[in-house]
């Protein structure tokens, strides 16, 4: 496992641990742990999606435009040719996930799956925390469902891209970490 893969897994483990800690707290004291869990869990998913694009950046499996889309980089035309720049060109996380499913195994993403709707809801909640326009009320169940959906999404991505299960899938919401 390279450093970046470990980082992706560490983020996921941290998110799960913050959720475990939240569960031990009374409702009045859960909020900071729930915030940490949902923010870090979405970051983890985003890092896994980026890692997938990075795995293919030097291969011919994806076009330059596809790599730029997944890695959120702008394509420039310089010196008579197109090239991927270092300029950020943001794309929605959900769109990048949809693209990966479509590109690697057409029609494999069933948007009627419960995990898909829970993932979208979790991203909506995360966005409302990061870009607040009103007070956001989190519950343990909101965050737990989001984290389960993220783990399921990562597993589904591994299945379509790498043809194997996500190695940490069986751990579910159980973290290997034990910080307080």
Protein backbone atom coordinates (compact mmCIF):
# COMPACT_ATOMS: atom_id res chain seq x y z
CA UNK A 1 0.00 0.00 0.00
CA UNK A 2 1.50 3.33 -0.98
CA UNK A 3 1.40 6.48 1.14
CA UNK A 4 -1.66 7.94 -0.58
CA UNK A 5 -3.69 4.72 -0.24
CA UNK A 6 -2.81 4.65 3.45
CA UNK A 7 -3.92 8.27 3.75
CA UNK A 8 -7.31 7.43 2.16
CA UNK A 9 -7.77 4.53 4.57
CA UNK A 10 -6.62 6.60 7.55
CA UNK A 11 -9.25 9.26 6.79
CA UNK A 12 -11.95 6.60 6.65
CA UNK A 13 -10.76 5.07 9.94
CA UNK A 14 -10.72 8.49 11.61
CA UNK A 15 -14.28 9.19 10.45
CA UNK A 16 -15.42 5.83 11.82
CA UNK A 17 -13.65 6.47 15.13
CA UNK A 18 -15.27 9.88 15.57
CA UNK A 19 -18.64 8.21 14.97
CA UNK A 20 -17.82 5.55 17.59
CA UNK A 21 -16.95 8.28 20.09
CA UNK A 22 -20.16 10.18 19.28
CA UNK A 23 -22.16 7.06 20.11
CA UNK A 24 -20.71 7.03 23.65
CA UNK A 25 -21.68 10.66 24.31
CA UNK A 26 -25.00 12.09 25.40
CA UNK A 27 -26.93 13.89 22.67
CA UNK A 28 -25.72 17.27 23.97
CA UNK A 29 -22.06 16.32 23.48
CA UNK A 30 -22.22 14.38 20.19
CA UNK A 31 -22.18 17.33 17.79
CA UNK A 32 -18.41 17.94 17.41
CA UNK A 33 -17.77 14.23 16.85
CA UNK A 34 -20.59 13.97 14.32
CA UNK A 35 -19.29 17.04 12.48
CA UNK A 36 -15.78 15.59 12.40
CA UNK A 37 -17.06 12.21 11.22
CA UNK A 38 -19.17 13.47 8.33
CA UNK A 39 -16.57 15.98 7.12
CA UNK A 40 -13.71 13.49 7.24
CA UNK A 41 -15.79 10.67 5.74
CA UNK A 42 -16.66 12.72 2.64
CA UNK A 43 -12.99 13.75 2.39
CA UNK A 44 -12.09 10.08 2.51
CA UNK A 45 -14.48 9.25 -0.32
CA UNK A 46 -13.12 12.13 -2.35
CA UNK A 47 -9.58 10.89 -1.77
CA UNK A 48 -10.50 7.37 -2.93
CA UNK A 49 -12.10 8.80 -6.09
CA UNK A 50 -9.00 10.89 -6.75
CA UNK A 51 -6.81 7.83 -6.12
CA UNK A 52 -8.70 5.91 -8.79
CA UNK A 53 -8.07 8.67 -11.34
CA UNK A 54 -4.42 8.81 -10.28
CA UNK A 55 -4.07 5.06 -10.89
CA UNK A 56 -4.99 5.65 -14.53
CA UNK A 57 -3.23 8.96 -15.24
CA UNK A 58 -0.33 7.33 -17.09
CA UNK A 59 -2.26 4.57 -18.84
CA UNK A 60 -4.19 4.60 -22.05
CA UNK A 61 -7.32 3.28 -20.31
CA UNK A 62 -8.66 6.82 -19.93
CA UNK A 63 -8.53 9.76 -22.31
CA UNK A 64 -6.83 12.99 -21.34
CA UNK A 65 -10.23 14.64 -20.92
CA UNK A 66 -11.41 11.82 -18.64
CA UNK A 67 -8.27 12.03 -16.49
CA UNK A 68 -8.62 15.82 -16.26
CA UNK A 69 -12.26 15.46 -15.27
CA UNK A 70 -11.55 12.92 -12.53
CA UNK A 71 -8.51 14.75 -11.16
CA UNK A 72 -10.25 18.13 -11.41
CA UNK A 73 -7.66 19.73 -13.64
CA UNK A 74 -8.12 22.10 -16.56
CA UNK A 75 -7.04 21.17 -20.07
CA UNK A 76 -5.03 23.81 -21.90
CA UNK A 77 -3.94 24.12 -25.48
CA UNK A 78 -0.28 25.13 -25.52
CA UNK A 79 2.43 24.83 -28.12
CA UNK A 80 0.10 23.14 -30.58
CA UNK A 81 -1.20 20.42 -28.26
CA UNK A 82 -3.65 19.78 -25.46
CA UNK A 83 -2.30 19.04 -22.01
CA UNK A 84 -3.57 18.73 -18.48
CA UNK A 85 -2.62 21.80 -16.46
CA UNK A 86 -2.21 22.21 -12.73
CA UNK A 87 -5.15 24.62 -12.69
CA UNK A 88 -8.07 23.45 -10.62
CA UNK A 89 -11.34 22.83 -12.42
CA UNK A 90 -13.82 21.62 -9.85
CA UNK A 91 -16.35 18.92 -10.65
CA UNK A 92 -19.04 17.54 -8.41
CA UNK A 93 -18.01 14.44 -6.48
CA UNK A 94 -21.24 12.67 -7.44
CA UNK A 95 -20.55 13.33 -11.13
CA UNK A 96 -17.07 11.86 -10.86
CA UNK A 97 -18.46 8.77 -9.14
CA UNK A 98 -21.16 8.40 -11.82
CA UNK A 99 -18.49 8.74 -14.51
CA UNK A 100 -16.34 5.98 -13.00
CA UNK A 101 -19.30 3.59 -12.92
CA UNK A 102 -20.27 4.47 -16.49
CA UNK A 103 -16.70 4.31 -17.81
CA UNK A 104 -15.69 1.02 -16.22
CA UNK A 105 -18.96 -0.90 -16.23
CA UNK A 106 -21.89 0.66 -18.01
CA UNK A 107 -25.23 0.45 -16.25
CA UNK A 108 -23.67 -0.90 -13.04
CA UNK A 109 -24.76 2.07 -10.94
CA UNK A 110 -28.29 1.58 -9.71
CA UNK A 111 -29.40 4.96 -8.41
CA UNK A 112 -32.34 3.27 -6.69
CA UNK A 113 -29.97 1.59 -4.22
CA UNK A 114 -30.42 2.84 -0.69
CA UNK A 115 -26.72 3.59 -0.31
CA UNK A 116 -26.87 5.96 -3.31
CA UNK A 117 -29.63 8.10 -1.83
CA UNK A 118 -27.92 8.05 1.59
CA UNK A 119 -24.66 9.12 -0.04
CA UNK A 120 -26.36 12.02 -1.79
CA UNK A 121 -28.03 13.05 1.45
CA UNK A 122 -24.72 12.86 3.30
CA UNK A 123 -23.01 15.03 0.70
CA UNK A 124 -25.88 17.51 0.94
CA UNK A 125 -25.46 17.65 4.73
CA UNK A 126 -21.69 18.01 4.42
CA UNK A 127 -22.11 20.84 1.92
CA UNK A 128 -24.54 22.63 4.22
CA UNK A 129 -21.95 22.42 7.02
CA UNK A 130 -19.07 23.62 4.84
CA UNK A 131 -21.15 26.34 3.15
CA UNK A 132 -23.63 27.25 5.92
CA UNK A 133 -26.70 29.26 5.06
CA UNK A 134 -28.70 28.01 8.03
CA UNK A 135 -28.19 25.94 11.16
CA UNK A 136 -27.55 22.28 10.42
CA UNK A 137 -28.86 19.67 12.80
CA UNK A 138 -27.00 16.36 12.70
CA UNK A 139 -28.05 13.09 14.24
CA UNK A 140 -26.06 9.96 14.88
CA UNK A 141 -28.26 8.16 12.31
CA UNK A 142 -27.56 10.80 9.61
CA UNK A 143 -23.84 10.35 9.98
CA UNK A 144 -23.98 6.59 10.44
CA UNK A 145 -26.05 6.19 7.26
CA UNK A 146 -23.67 8.46 5.36
CA UNK A 147 -20.63 6.52 6.52
CA UNK A 148 -22.25 3.18 5.60
CA UNK A 149 -23.09 4.60 2.16
CA UNK A 150 -19.52 5.81 1.68
CA UNK A 151 -18.10 2.41 2.58
CA UNK A 152 -20.57 0.75 0.19
CA UNK A 153 -19.71 3.26 -2.55
CA UNK A 154 -15.97 2.65 -2.15
CA UNK A 155 -16.61 -1.10 -2.31
CA UNK A 156 -18.72 -0.74 -5.46
CA UNK A 157 -16.01 1.44 -7.04
CA UNK A 158 -13.38 -1.19 -6.23
CA UNK A 159 -15.56 -3.88 -7.78
CA UNK A 160 -16.06 -2.04 -11.07
CA UNK A 161 -12.54 -0.63 -11.39
CA UNK A 162 -10.24 -3.19 -9.75
CA UNK A 163 -12.55 -6.23 -9.95
CA UNK A 164 -12.16 -6.93 -6.23
CA UNK A 165 -13.80 -5.89 -2.98
CA UNK A 166 -12.56 -2.94 -0.95
CA UNK A 167 -10.23 -4.62 1.59
CA UNK A 168 -11.73 -2.75 4.58
CA UNK A 169 -15.34 -3.41 3.54
CA UNK A 170 -15.95 -6.19 6.09
CA UNK A 171 -15.01 -3.89 8.97
CA UNK A 172 -18.13 -1.83 8.33
CA UNK A 173 -18.38 1.01 10.84
CA UNK A 174 -15.83 -0.57 13.20
CA UNK A 175 -12.68 1.50 13.40
CA UNK A 176 -9.22 0.09 14.01
CA UNK A 177 -8.31 3.28 15.87
CA UNK A 178 -8.75 3.87 19.56
CA UNK A 179 -8.08 7.54 20.21
CA UNK A 180 -10.36 9.44 22.59
